[in-house]
Amino acid sequence: MYDIIRLYKIKRVEEIIMALDNSVKVPLPEHGIAYKKVAGKTYVYYVTATYRNEKGQPTCDRSSIGRLDEESGMLIPNRNYYEIYLKKPAPISKGIYDFGVNYTFEAIAEKLGIVRLLKKYFPESSREILTVAQYMLSEGNVMYYLDDYTQTHKSALNECMGSSKSSKLFSSLRQEDMLLFFREWMKHKRPKEYVV
């Protein structure tokens, strides 16, 4: 019995060592990671979901994938890294897009008159607004993964749109144009409907 416990302890130690072996380094993943500094060491996390909490603040769910090697800038992976990245499905090839969300979204936006109103009040940025609206409806309101989304999904913009481009879009919208848009949009509602 003692030998079994001893072997189990040795096996656990080997797993821990293997889980964070300083001699093994891999390139940092390009997207979907976050960092956290603890006791002078930077740990790297794979972000599994982003959303806004009850207070409306951006937050995320994440899983540790290793520690950053400050000298080389590479990742010292742990077991989660191998489980996440080796079992992860291959990304959709460039040029092949998911059309389903866009087809439905554009049909509804057209039927409701939103496309016409956006073109009227935001002629330069109507396609960007529709792209962001489609993303928010299907993925949530945190713009962090907008770049990844527009690389794999058909949208009104028909090109990649990152979070920095969405920030520029939001800051370029004029209050007067928004009020004119909403005033005209209110005319489309039925007597017992609410516009949010």
N, C-alpha and C. Protein backbone atom coordinates (compact mmCIF):
# COMPACT_ATOMS: atom_id res chain seq x y z
N MET A 1 0.83 -1.20 0.00
CA MET A 1 0.00 0.00 0.00
C MET A 1 0.87 1.26 0.00
N TYR A 2 1.91 1.26 0.82
CA TYR A 2 2.82 2.40 0.90
C TYR A 2 3.45 2.67 -0.46
N ASP A 3 3.83 1.58 -1.18
CA ASP A 3 4.44 1.75 -2.50
C ASP A 3 3.48 2.40 -3.49
N ILE A 4 2.20 2.03 -3.41
CA ILE A 4 1.20 2.62 -4.31
C ILE A 4 1.06 4.11 -4.04
N ILE A 5 1.00 4.48 -2.74
CA ILE A 5 0.90 5.91 -2.37
C ILE A 5 2.15 6.65 -2.84
N ARG A 6 3.32 6.02 -2.63
CA ARG A 6 4.58 6.64 -3.05
C ARG A 6 4.61 6.83 -4.57
N LEU A 7 4.20 5.82 -5.32
CA LEU A 7 4.16 5.92 -6.77
C LEU A 7 3.17 7.01 -7.22
N TYR A 8 2.02 7.08 -6.53
CA TYR A 8 1.03 8.10 -6.85
C TYR A 8 1.61 9.49 -6.63
N LYS A 9 2.32 9.67 -5.51
CA LYS A 9 2.93 10.97 -5.22
C LYS A 9 3.98 11.31 -6.26
N ILE A 10 4.80 10.32 -6.65
CA ILE A 10 5.82 10.56 -7.67
C ILE A 10 5.15 10.94 -8.99
N LYS A 11 4.08 10.20 -9.33
CA LYS A 11 3.36 10.48 -10.56
C LYS A 11 2.79 11.91 -10.54
N ARG A 12 2.24 12.34 -9.42
CA ARG A 12 1.68 13.69 -9.30
C ARG A 12 2.79 14.73 -9.45
N VAL A 13 3.96 14.48 -8.82
CA VAL A 13 5.08 15.41 -8.95
C VAL A 13 5.52 15.49 -10.41
N GLU A 14 5.60 14.32 -11.09
CA GLU A 14 5.98 14.32 -12.51
C GLU A 14 4.97 15.09 -13.34
N GLU A 15 3.68 14.95 -13.02
CA GLU A 15 2.64 15.69 -13.76
C GLU A 15 2.81 17.19 -13.56
N ILE A 16 3.10 17.59 -12.32
CA ILE A 16 3.28 19.02 -12.02
C ILE A 16 4.49 19.56 -12.77
N ILE A 17 5.59 18.78 -12.74
CA ILE A 17 6.80 19.21 -13.45
C ILE A 17 6.52 19.29 -14.95
N MET A 18 5.87 18.23 -15.48
CA MET A 18 5.55 18.22 -16.90
C MET A 18 4.58 19.34 -17.25
N ALA A 19 3.71 19.67 -16.32
CA ALA A 19 2.72 20.69 -16.57
C ALA A 19 3.34 22.07 -16.72
N LEU A 20 4.49 22.32 -16.10
CA LEU A 20 5.15 23.61 -16.22
C LEU A 20 6.66 23.37 -16.27
N ASP A 21 7.12 22.83 -17.39
CA ASP A 21 8.53 22.51 -17.60
C ASP A 21 9.21 23.74 -18.22
N ASN A 22 10.12 24.37 -17.46
CA ASN A 22 10.77 25.60 -17.92
C ASN A 22 11.59 25.42 -19.19
N SER A 23 11.96 24.19 -19.52
CA SER A 23 12.77 23.98 -20.73
C SER A 23 11.90 23.95 -21.99
N VAL A 24 10.59 23.80 -21.83
CA VAL A 24 9.68 23.76 -22.98
C VAL A 24 9.08 25.15 -23.15
N LYS A 25 9.28 25.70 -24.34
CA LYS A 25 8.72 27.03 -24.64
C LYS A 25 8.06 26.98 -26.00
N VAL A 26 6.93 27.62 -26.11
CA VAL A 26 6.19 27.67 -27.37
C VAL A 26 5.83 29.13 -27.66
N PRO A 27 5.58 29.46 -28.93
CA PRO A 27 5.17 30.84 -29.23
C PRO A 27 3.83 31.17 -28.56
N LEU A 28 3.69 32.42 -28.16
CA LEU A 28 2.41 32.87 -27.57
C LEU A 28 1.31 32.82 -28.62
N PRO A 29 0.13 32.34 -28.27
CA PRO A 29 -0.99 32.41 -29.22
C PRO A 29 -1.25 33.86 -29.60
N GLU A 30 -1.67 34.08 -30.85
CA GLU A 30 -1.87 35.45 -31.35
C GLU A 30 -3.13 36.11 -30.80
N HIS A 31 -4.19 35.33 -30.60
CA HIS A 31 -5.47 35.91 -30.20
C HIS A 31 -6.04 35.17 -28.99
N GLY A 32 -6.94 35.85 -28.29
CA GLY A 32 -7.72 35.20 -27.25
C GLY A 32 -6.97 34.93 -25.97
N ILE A 33 -5.96 35.73 -25.65
CA ILE A 33 -5.24 35.52 -24.40
C ILE A 33 -5.25 36.76 -23.53
N ALA A 34 -5.06 36.54 -22.23
CA ALA A 34 -4.98 37.64 -21.27
C ALA A 34 -3.82 37.34 -20.32
N TYR A 35 -3.34 38.36 -19.65
CA TYR A 35 -2.19 38.20 -18.76
C TYR A 35 -2.58 38.60 -17.33
N LYS A 36 -1.88 37.98 -16.37
CA LYS A 36 -2.06 38.36 -14.97
C LYS A 36 -0.71 38.22 -14.28
N LYS A 37 -0.28 39.29 -13.63
CA LYS A 37 1.01 39.28 -12.94
C LYS A 37 0.78 38.89 -11.47
N VAL A 38 1.50 37.84 -11.01
CA VAL A 38 1.39 37.36 -9.64
C VAL A 38 2.81 37.13 -9.12
N ALA A 39 3.14 37.79 -8.04
CA ALA A 39 4.46 37.64 -7.39
C ALA A 39 5.60 37.78 -8.39
N GLY A 40 5.52 38.76 -9.27
CA GLY A 40 6.60 39.03 -10.21
C GLY A 40 6.61 38.15 -11.45
N LYS A 41 5.70 37.20 -11.55
CA LYS A 41 5.63 36.32 -12.72
C LYS A 41 4.34 36.60 -13.48
N THR A 42 4.42 36.55 -14.81
CA THR A 42 3.26 36.81 -15.65
C THR A 42 2.66 35.50 -16.12
N TYR A 43 1.41 35.28 -15.75
CA TYR A 43 0.70 34.07 -16.16
C TYR A 43 -0.20 34.41 -17.34
N VAL A 44 -0.32 33.45 -18.26
CA VAL A 44 -1.07 33.66 -19.49
C VAL A 44 -2.34 32.81 -19.43
N TYR A 45 -3.45 33.43 -19.85
CA TYR A 45 -4.76 32.76 -19.79
C TYR A 45 -5.39 32.74 -21.18
N TYR A 46 -6.08 31.66 -21.47
CA TYR A 46 -6.89 31.53 -22.68
C TYR A 46 -8.28 32.03 -22.31
N VAL A 47 -8.78 33.03 -23.02
CA VAL A 47 -10.09 33.61 -22.71
C VAL A 47 -11.16 32.77 -23.39
N THR A 48 -12.07 32.21 -22.57
CA THR A 48 -13.11 31.33 -23.12
C THR A 48 -14.41 32.06 -23.42
N ALA A 49 -14.68 33.17 -22.75
CA ALA A 49 -15.91 33.94 -23.01
C ALA A 49 -15.73 35.36 -22.49
N THR A 50 -16.29 36.32 -23.22
CA THR A 50 -16.26 37.72 -22.77
C THR A 50 -17.69 38.22 -22.67
N TYR A 51 -17.95 39.03 -21.67
CA TYR A 51 -19.29 39.55 -21.44
C TYR A 51 -19.20 40.71 -20.46
N ARG A 52 -20.32 41.35 -20.20
CA ARG A 52 -20.37 42.42 -19.20
C ARG A 52 -21.04 41.86 -17.95
N ASN A 53 -20.44 42.18 -16.80
CA ASN A 53 -21.00 41.69 -15.53
C ASN A 53 -22.21 42.53 -15.11
N GLU A 54 -22.73 42.25 -13.92
CA GLU A 54 -23.92 42.95 -13.44
C GLU A 54 -23.75 44.46 -13.38
N LYS A 55 -22.51 44.91 -13.16
CA LYS A 55 -22.23 46.35 -13.07
C LYS A 55 -21.96 46.96 -14.45
N GLY A 56 -22.04 46.13 -15.51
CA GLY A 56 -21.82 46.62 -16.86
C GLY A 56 -20.36 46.71 -17.26
N GLN A 57 -19.46 46.14 -16.44
CA GLN A 57 -18.04 46.20 -16.73
C GLN A 57 -17.62 45.01 -17.58
N PRO A 58 -16.72 45.23 -18.58
CA PRO A 58 -16.25 44.11 -19.39
C PRO A 58 -15.50 43.10 -18.51
N THR A 59 -15.79 41.83 -18.67
CA THR A 59 -15.12 40.77 -17.91
C THR A 59 -15.03 39.53 -18.78
N CYS A 60 -14.36 38.50 -18.29
CA CYS A 60 -14.22 37.29 -19.11
C CYS A 60 -14.02 36.06 -18.24
N ASP A 61 -14.31 34.90 -18.85
CA ASP A 61 -13.98 33.61 -18.25
C ASP A 61 -12.69 33.17 -18.91
N ARG A 62 -11.78 32.56 -18.15
CA ARG A 62 -10.50 32.19 -18.74
C ARG A 62 -9.92 30.96 -18.08
N SER A 63 -8.94 30.38 -18.76
CA SER A 63 -8.29 29.17 -18.28
C SER A 63 -6.78 29.37 -18.42
N SER A 64 -6.03 29.08 -17.37
CA SER A 64 -4.58 29.26 -17.39
C SER A 64 -3.95 28.32 -18.41
N ILE A 65 -3.04 28.86 -19.26
CA ILE A 65 -2.34 28.01 -20.23
C ILE A 65 -0.83 28.03 -20.03
N GLY A 66 -0.35 28.71 -18.99
CA GLY A 66 1.09 28.70 -18.71
C GLY A 66 1.60 30.01 -18.18
N ARG A 67 2.93 30.15 -18.25
CA ARG A 67 3.58 31.33 -17.73
C ARG A 67 4.45 31.94 -18.82
N LEU A 68 4.53 33.26 -18.84
CA LEU A 68 5.34 33.97 -19.82
C LEU A 68 6.81 33.91 -19.40
N ASP A 69 7.68 33.51 -20.33
CA ASP A 69 9.11 33.56 -20.10
C ASP A 69 9.56 34.97 -20.49
N GLU A 70 9.86 35.78 -19.48
CA GLU A 70 10.16 37.20 -19.71
C GLU A 70 11.37 37.39 -20.63
N GLU A 71 12.35 36.50 -20.54
CA GLU A 71 13.56 36.63 -21.33
C GLU A 71 13.30 36.46 -22.82
N SER A 72 12.60 35.38 -23.17
CA SER A 72 12.38 35.06 -24.59
C SER A 72 11.07 35.61 -25.14
N GLY A 73 10.14 35.95 -24.24
CA GLY A 73 8.82 36.39 -24.69
C GLY A 73 7.94 35.24 -25.13
N MET A 74 8.38 34.01 -24.84
CA MET A 74 7.61 32.83 -25.23
C MET A 74 6.82 32.30 -24.03
N LEU A 75 5.93 31.36 -24.32
CA LEU A 75 5.07 30.77 -23.30
C LEU A 75 5.67 29.46 -22.79
N ILE A 76 5.72 29.32 -21.46
CA ILE A 76 6.06 28.04 -20.85
C ILE A 76 4.71 27.39 -20.59
N PRO A 77 4.32 26.42 -21.45
CA PRO A 77 2.95 25.90 -21.40
C PRO A 77 2.70 24.95 -20.23
N ASN A 78 1.44 24.92 -19.79
CA ASN A 78 1.02 23.91 -18.82
C ASN A 78 0.10 22.92 -19.53
N ARG A 79 -0.46 21.99 -18.81
CA ARG A 79 -1.31 20.95 -19.40
C ARG A 79 -2.51 21.54 -20.15
N ASN A 80 -3.09 22.61 -19.60
CA ASN A 80 -4.25 23.23 -20.26
C ASN A 80 -3.92 23.69 -21.68
N TYR A 81 -2.69 24.19 -21.86
CA TYR A 81 -2.28 24.64 -23.19
C TYR A 81 -2.42 23.51 -24.20
N TYR A 82 -1.90 22.34 -23.84
CA TYR A 82 -1.94 21.21 -24.76
C TYR A 82 -3.37 20.73 -24.99
N GLU A 83 -4.18 20.75 -23.93
CA GLU A 83 -5.57 20.31 -24.07
C GLU A 83 -6.38 21.27 -24.93
N ILE A 84 -6.13 22.57 -24.76
CA ILE A 84 -6.89 23.58 -25.50
C ILE A 84 -6.42 23.67 -26.95
N TYR A 85 -5.11 23.78 -27.17
CA TYR A 85 -4.61 24.05 -28.51
C TYR A 85 -4.41 22.81 -29.38
N LEU A 86 -4.21 21.66 -28.80
CA LEU A 86 -4.06 20.46 -29.62
C LEU A 86 -5.40 19.84 -29.98
N LYS A 87 -6.42 20.11 -29.17
CA LYS A 87 -7.76 19.56 -29.44
C LYS A 87 -8.67 20.58 -30.09
N LYS A 88 -8.16 21.79 -30.30
CA LYS A 88 -8.97 22.87 -30.87
C LYS A 88 -9.23 22.59 -32.34
N PRO A 89 -10.47 22.78 -32.81
CA PRO A 89 -10.75 22.55 -34.24
C PRO A 89 -10.00 23.56 -35.11
N ALA A 90 -9.68 23.15 -36.32
CA ALA A 90 -8.96 24.03 -37.23
C ALA A 90 -9.80 25.24 -37.57
N PRO A 91 -9.19 26.43 -37.66
CA PRO A 91 -9.96 27.63 -37.99
C PRO A 91 -10.49 27.56 -39.42
N ILE A 92 -11.55 28.29 -39.68
CA ILE A 92 -12.11 28.35 -41.02
C ILE A 92 -11.10 29.02 -41.93
N SER A 93 -10.89 28.45 -43.10
CA SER A 93 -9.91 29.00 -44.05
C SER A 93 -10.29 30.41 -44.46
N LYS A 94 -9.28 31.20 -44.77
CA LYS A 94 -9.55 32.56 -45.25
C LYS A 94 -10.32 32.47 -46.56
N GLY A 95 -11.31 33.30 -46.72
CA GLY A 95 -12.11 33.29 -47.93
C GLY A 95 -13.38 32.45 -47.80
N ILE A 96 -13.48 31.64 -46.75
CA ILE A 96 -14.69 30.86 -46.52
C ILE A 96 -15.39 31.48 -45.32
N TYR A 97 -16.61 31.94 -45.51
CA TYR A 97 -17.31 32.67 -44.47
C TYR A 97 -18.59 31.97 -44.04
N ASP A 98 -18.99 32.25 -42.81
CA ASP A 98 -20.28 31.81 -42.30
C ASP A 98 -21.29 32.87 -42.73
N PHE A 99 -22.29 32.48 -43.52
CA PHE A 99 -23.27 33.42 -44.06
C PHE A 99 -24.57 33.47 -43.27
N GLY A 100 -24.84 32.46 -42.43
CA GLY A 100 -26.14 32.32 -41.78
C GLY A 100 -26.59 33.52 -40.99
N VAL A 101 -25.73 34.00 -40.09
CA VAL A 101 -26.10 35.13 -39.23
C VAL A 101 -26.35 36.37 -40.08
N ASN A 102 -25.47 36.62 -41.04
CA ASN A 102 -25.60 37.81 -41.88
C ASN A 102 -26.88 37.77 -42.72
N TYR A 103 -27.18 36.62 -43.27
CA TYR A 103 -28.38 36.49 -44.10
C TYR A 103 -29.63 36.84 -43.30
N THR A 104 -29.73 36.29 -42.10
CA THR A 104 -30.89 36.54 -41.24
C THR A 104 -30.90 37.99 -40.77
N PHE A 105 -29.75 38.46 -40.27
CA PHE A 105 -29.64 39.82 -39.74
C PHE A 105 -30.01 40.86 -40.78
N GLU A 106 -29.42 40.75 -41.98
CA GLU A 106 -29.69 41.75 -43.02
C GLU A 106 -31.14 41.73 -43.48
N ALA A 107 -31.75 40.54 -43.54
CA ALA A 107 -33.15 40.44 -43.95
C ALA A 107 -34.05 41.16 -42.94
N ILE A 108 -33.78 40.96 -41.66
CA ILE A 108 -34.58 41.62 -40.61
C ILE A 108 -34.33 43.12 -40.60
N ALA A 109 -33.05 43.53 -40.68
CA ALA A 109 -32.71 44.96 -40.67
C ALA A 109 -33.33 45.67 -41.87
N GLU A 110 -33.35 45.01 -43.01
CA GLU A 110 -33.96 45.59 -44.22
C GLU A 110 -35.47 45.72 -44.04
N LYS A 111 -36.10 44.67 -43.54
CA LYS A 111 -37.56 44.67 -43.35
C LYS A 111 -38.00 45.73 -42.34
N LEU A 112 -37.21 45.93 -41.30
CA LEU A 112 -37.55 46.92 -40.28
C LEU A 112 -37.24 48.35 -40.71
N GLY A 113 -36.54 48.52 -41.82
CA GLY A 113 -36.20 49.85 -42.31
C GLY A 113 -34.93 50.42 -41.70
N ILE A 114 -34.21 49.62 -40.95
CA ILE A 114 -32.98 50.10 -40.29
C ILE A 114 -31.90 50.43 -41.32
N VAL A 115 -31.77 49.59 -42.34
CA VAL A 115 -30.73 49.81 -43.37
C VAL A 115 -30.95 51.16 -44.05
N ARG A 116 -32.19 51.44 -44.44
CA ARG A 116 -32.51 52.70 -45.11
C ARG A 116 -32.19 53.90 -44.21
N LEU A 117 -32.58 53.80 -42.93
CA LEU A 117 -32.33 54.91 -42.00
C LEU A 117 -30.84 55.12 -41.73
N LEU A 118 -30.10 54.03 -41.62
CA LEU A 118 -28.66 54.16 -41.40
C LEU A 118 -27.99 54.82 -42.60
N LYS A 119 -28.41 54.43 -43.80
CA LYS A 119 -27.83 55.04 -45.00
C LYS A 119 -28.18 56.53 -45.08
N LYS A 120 -29.35 56.88 -44.58
CA LYS A 120 -29.79 58.28 -44.61
C LYS A 120 -29.02 59.14 -43.62
N TYR A 121 -28.87 58.65 -42.37
CA TYR A 121 -28.27 59.48 -41.32
C TYR A 121 -26.77 59.22 -41.09
N PHE A 122 -26.28 58.07 -41.52
CA PHE A 122 -24.86 57.73 -41.36
C PHE A 122 -24.33 57.16 -42.67
N PRO A 123 -24.36 57.95 -43.75
CA PRO A 123 -24.00 57.41 -45.07
C PRO A 123 -22.56 56.86 -45.16
N GLU A 124 -21.63 57.48 -44.45
CA GLU A 124 -20.23 57.05 -44.53
C GLU A 124 -19.97 55.80 -43.69
N SER A 125 -20.76 55.58 -42.66
CA SER A 125 -20.45 54.48 -41.73
C SER A 125 -21.59 53.48 -41.54
N SER A 126 -22.58 53.49 -42.42
CA SER A 126 -23.73 52.58 -42.24
C SER A 126 -23.31 51.11 -42.26
N ARG A 127 -22.37 50.75 -43.14
CA ARG A 127 -21.94 49.34 -43.23
C ARG A 127 -21.18 48.92 -41.97
N GLU A 128 -20.37 49.82 -41.41
CA GLU A 128 -19.66 49.51 -40.17
C GLU A 128 -20.64 49.34 -39.00
N ILE A 129 -21.65 50.21 -38.95
CA ILE A 129 -22.66 50.13 -37.89
C ILE A 129 -23.41 48.80 -37.98
N LEU A 130 -23.80 48.41 -39.19
CA LEU A 130 -24.49 47.13 -39.38
C LEU A 130 -23.60 45.95 -38.98
N THR A 131 -22.32 46.03 -39.31
CA THR A 131 -21.37 44.96 -38.95
C THR A 131 -21.25 44.83 -37.43
N VAL A 132 -21.10 45.96 -36.74
CA VAL A 132 -20.99 45.95 -35.28
C VAL A 132 -22.29 45.44 -34.65
N ALA A 133 -23.43 45.88 -35.19
CA ALA A 133 -24.73 45.44 -34.66
C ALA A 133 -24.89 43.93 -34.82
N GLN A 134 -24.50 43.40 -35.99
CA GLN A 134 -24.58 41.95 -36.23
C GLN A 134 -23.70 41.21 -35.22
N TYR A 135 -22.48 41.70 -35.03
CA TYR A 135 -21.56 41.07 -34.08
C TYR A 135 -22.13 41.08 -32.66
N MET A 136 -22.65 42.24 -32.24
CA MET A 136 -23.19 42.37 -30.88
C MET A 136 -24.39 41.45 -30.66
N LEU A 137 -25.24 41.33 -31.66
CA LEU A 137 -26.41 40.45 -31.54
C LEU A 137 -26.02 38.98 -31.46
N SER A 138 -24.96 38.59 -32.17
CA SER A 138 -24.61 37.17 -32.18
C SER A 138 -23.55 36.80 -31.16
N GLU A 139 -22.70 37.74 -30.73
CA GLU A 139 -21.59 37.39 -29.85
C GLU A 139 -21.58 38.12 -28.51
N GLY A 140 -22.24 39.25 -28.40
CA GLY A 140 -22.17 40.03 -27.17
C GLY A 140 -21.63 41.41 -27.46
N ASN A 141 -21.52 42.25 -26.43
CA ASN A 141 -21.17 43.65 -26.67
C ASN A 141 -19.73 44.02 -26.32
N VAL A 142 -18.86 43.05 -26.17
CA VAL A 142 -17.44 43.34 -25.94
C VAL A 142 -16.74 43.23 -27.29
N MET A 143 -16.12 44.31 -27.76
CA MET A 143 -15.56 44.37 -29.10
C MET A 143 -14.23 43.64 -29.29
N TYR A 144 -13.73 42.99 -28.24
CA TYR A 144 -12.40 42.37 -28.26
C TYR A 144 -12.23 41.37 -29.41
N TYR A 145 -13.26 40.58 -29.71
CA TYR A 145 -13.13 39.54 -30.74
C TYR A 145 -13.77 39.92 -32.07
N LEU A 146 -14.07 41.18 -32.27
CA LEU A 146 -14.67 41.64 -33.52
C LEU A 146 -13.78 41.29 -34.71
N ASP A 147 -12.48 41.44 -34.56
CA ASP A 147 -11.53 41.13 -35.62
C ASP A 147 -11.67 39.66 -36.05
N ASP A 148 -11.65 38.74 -35.08
CA ASP A 148 -11.79 37.30 -35.39
C ASP A 148 -13.13 37.02 -36.05
N TYR A 149 -14.17 37.65 -35.53
CA TYR A 149 -15.53 37.42 -36.05
C TYR A 149 -15.63 37.84 -37.51
N THR A 150 -15.13 39.02 -37.85
CA THR A 150 -15.26 39.52 -39.22
C THR A 150 -14.33 38.79 -40.19
N GLN A 151 -13.37 38.02 -39.69
CA GLN A 151 -12.54 37.20 -40.55
C GLN A 151 -13.25 35.91 -40.95
N THR A 152 -14.23 35.49 -40.16
CA THR A 152 -14.89 34.21 -40.42
C THR A 152 -16.38 34.34 -40.76
N HIS A 153 -16.96 35.53 -40.60
CA HIS A 153 -18.39 35.72 -40.85
C HIS A 153 -18.62 36.80 -41.90
N LYS A 154 -19.54 36.56 -42.79
CA LYS A 154 -19.96 37.57 -43.76
C LYS A 154 -20.64 38.69 -42.99
N SER A 155 -20.37 39.92 -43.38
CA SER A 155 -21.01 41.08 -42.74
C SER A 155 -21.24 42.16 -43.79
N ALA A 156 -21.94 43.21 -43.41
CA ALA A 156 -22.22 44.31 -44.34
C ALA A 156 -20.95 44.98 -44.84
N LEU A 157 -19.92 44.99 -44.01
CA LEU A 157 -18.67 45.67 -44.37
C LEU A 157 -17.85 44.86 -45.37
N ASN A 158 -17.94 43.55 -45.34
CA ASN A 158 -17.20 42.65 -46.24
C ASN A 158 -15.68 42.79 -46.12
N GLU A 159 -15.21 43.13 -44.94
CA GLU A 159 -13.77 43.17 -44.69
C GLU A 159 -13.54 43.04 -43.19
N CYS A 160 -12.30 42.82 -42.82
CA CYS A 160 -11.96 42.66 -41.41
C CYS A 160 -12.15 43.99 -40.68
N MET A 161 -12.76 43.92 -39.51
CA MET A 161 -12.98 45.13 -38.70
C MET A 161 -12.56 44.82 -37.28
N GLY A 162 -11.52 45.48 -36.81
CA GLY A 162 -11.01 45.24 -35.46
C GLY A 162 -11.64 46.15 -34.42
N SER A 163 -11.29 45.90 -33.17
CA SER A 163 -11.85 46.70 -32.07
C SER A 163 -11.41 48.16 -32.15
N SER A 164 -10.21 48.42 -32.68
CA SER A 164 -9.77 49.82 -32.80
C SER A 164 -10.61 50.56 -33.84
N LYS A 165 -10.98 49.86 -34.92
CA LYS A 165 -11.83 50.49 -35.93
C LYS A 165 -13.23 50.75 -35.37
N SER A 166 -13.71 49.84 -34.53
CA SER A 166 -15.02 50.07 -33.91
C SER A 166 -14.97 51.23 -32.94
N SER A 167 -13.85 51.39 -32.23
CA SER A 167 -13.70 52.54 -31.32
C SER A 167 -13.75 53.86 -32.09
N LYS A 168 -13.06 53.88 -33.25
CA LYS A 168 -13.09 55.08 -34.10
C LYS A 168 -14.51 55.34 -34.59
N LEU A 169 -15.21 54.26 -34.93
CA LEU A 169 -16.59 54.40 -35.39
C LEU A 169 -17.45 55.03 -34.30
N PHE A 170 -17.38 54.48 -33.07
CA PHE A 170 -18.20 54.99 -31.97
C PHE A 170 -17.89 56.45 -31.67
N SER A 171 -16.61 56.81 -31.71
CA SER A 171 -16.25 58.20 -31.40
C SER A 171 -16.63 59.17 -32.53
N SER A 172 -16.80 58.64 -33.76
CA SER A 172 -17.14 59.52 -34.88
C SER A 172 -18.64 59.81 -34.99
N LEU A 173 -19.47 59.04 -34.29
CA LEU A 173 -20.92 59.25 -34.38
C LEU A 173 -21.32 60.55 -33.69
N ARG A 174 -22.07 61.36 -34.41
CA ARG A 174 -22.49 62.65 -33.86
C ARG A 174 -23.84 62.52 -33.16
N GLN A 175 -23.97 63.19 -32.04
CA GLN A 175 -25.20 63.15 -31.23
C GLN A 175 -26.42 63.59 -32.04
N GLU A 176 -26.25 64.63 -32.87
CA GLU A 176 -27.36 65.15 -33.66
C GLU A 176 -27.89 64.09 -34.62
N ASP A 177 -26.96 63.38 -35.29
CA ASP A 177 -27.36 62.34 -36.24
C ASP A 177 -28.07 61.20 -35.53
N MET A 178 -27.59 60.85 -34.34
CA MET A 178 -28.23 59.78 -33.58
C MET A 178 -29.65 60.17 -33.19
N LEU A 179 -29.83 61.41 -32.75
CA LEU A 179 -31.17 61.87 -32.37
C LEU A 179 -32.12 61.88 -33.56
N LEU A 180 -31.64 62.32 -34.72
CA LEU A 180 -32.46 62.31 -35.94
C LEU A 180 -32.84 60.87 -36.32
N PHE A 181 -31.87 59.98 -36.22
CA PHE A 181 -32.13 58.56 -36.51
C PHE A 181 -33.21 58.01 -35.58
N PHE A 182 -33.05 58.23 -34.28
CA PHE A 182 -34.01 57.70 -33.32
C PHE A 182 -35.40 58.34 -33.46
N ARG A 183 -35.43 59.62 -33.77
CA ARG A 183 -36.71 60.30 -33.95
C ARG A 183 -37.49 59.66 -35.11
N GLU A 184 -36.79 59.40 -36.22
CA GLU A 184 -37.46 58.77 -37.36
C GLU A 184 -37.78 57.30 -37.07
N TRP A 185 -36.90 56.63 -36.35
CA TRP A 185 -37.12 55.23 -35.99
C TRP A 185 -38.37 55.09 -35.11
N MET A 186 -38.63 56.05 -34.26
CA MET A 186 -39.80 56.02 -33.38
C MET A 186 -41.11 56.02 -34.19
N LYS A 187 -41.09 56.59 -35.39
CA LYS A 187 -42.29 56.63 -36.24
C LYS A 187 -42.68 55.23 -36.73
N HIS A 188 -41.73 54.28 -36.69
CA HIS A 188 -41.98 52.93 -37.19
C HIS A 188 -42.63 52.01 -36.16
N LYS A 189 -42.66 52.44 -34.93
CA LYS A 189 -43.18 51.53 -33.89
C LYS A 189 -44.71 51.53 -33.87
N ARG A 190 -45.26 50.43 -33.43
CA ARG A 190 -46.71 50.32 -33.28
C ARG A 190 -47.11 51.00 -31.96
N PRO A 191 -48.41 51.31 -31.78
CA PRO A 191 -48.83 52.04 -30.57
C PRO A 191 -48.43 51.39 -29.24
N LYS A 192 -48.44 50.06 -29.15
CA LYS A 192 -48.11 49.41 -27.87
C LYS A 192 -46.69 48.86 -27.82
N GLU A 193 -45.85 49.22 -28.79
CA GLU A 193 -44.47 48.75 -28.80
C GLU A 193 -43.56 49.75 -28.09
N TYR A 194 -42.46 49.20 -27.57
CA TYR A 194 -41.42 50.03 -26.94
C TYR A 194 -40.15 49.90 -27.76
N VAL A 195 -39.42 50.97 -27.91
CA VAL A 195 -38.14 50.95 -28.61
C VAL A 195 -37.04 51.06 -27.59
N VAL A 196 -36.12 50.11 -27.63
CA VAL A 196 -35.01 50.10 -26.68
C VAL A 196 -33.73 50.27 -27.45
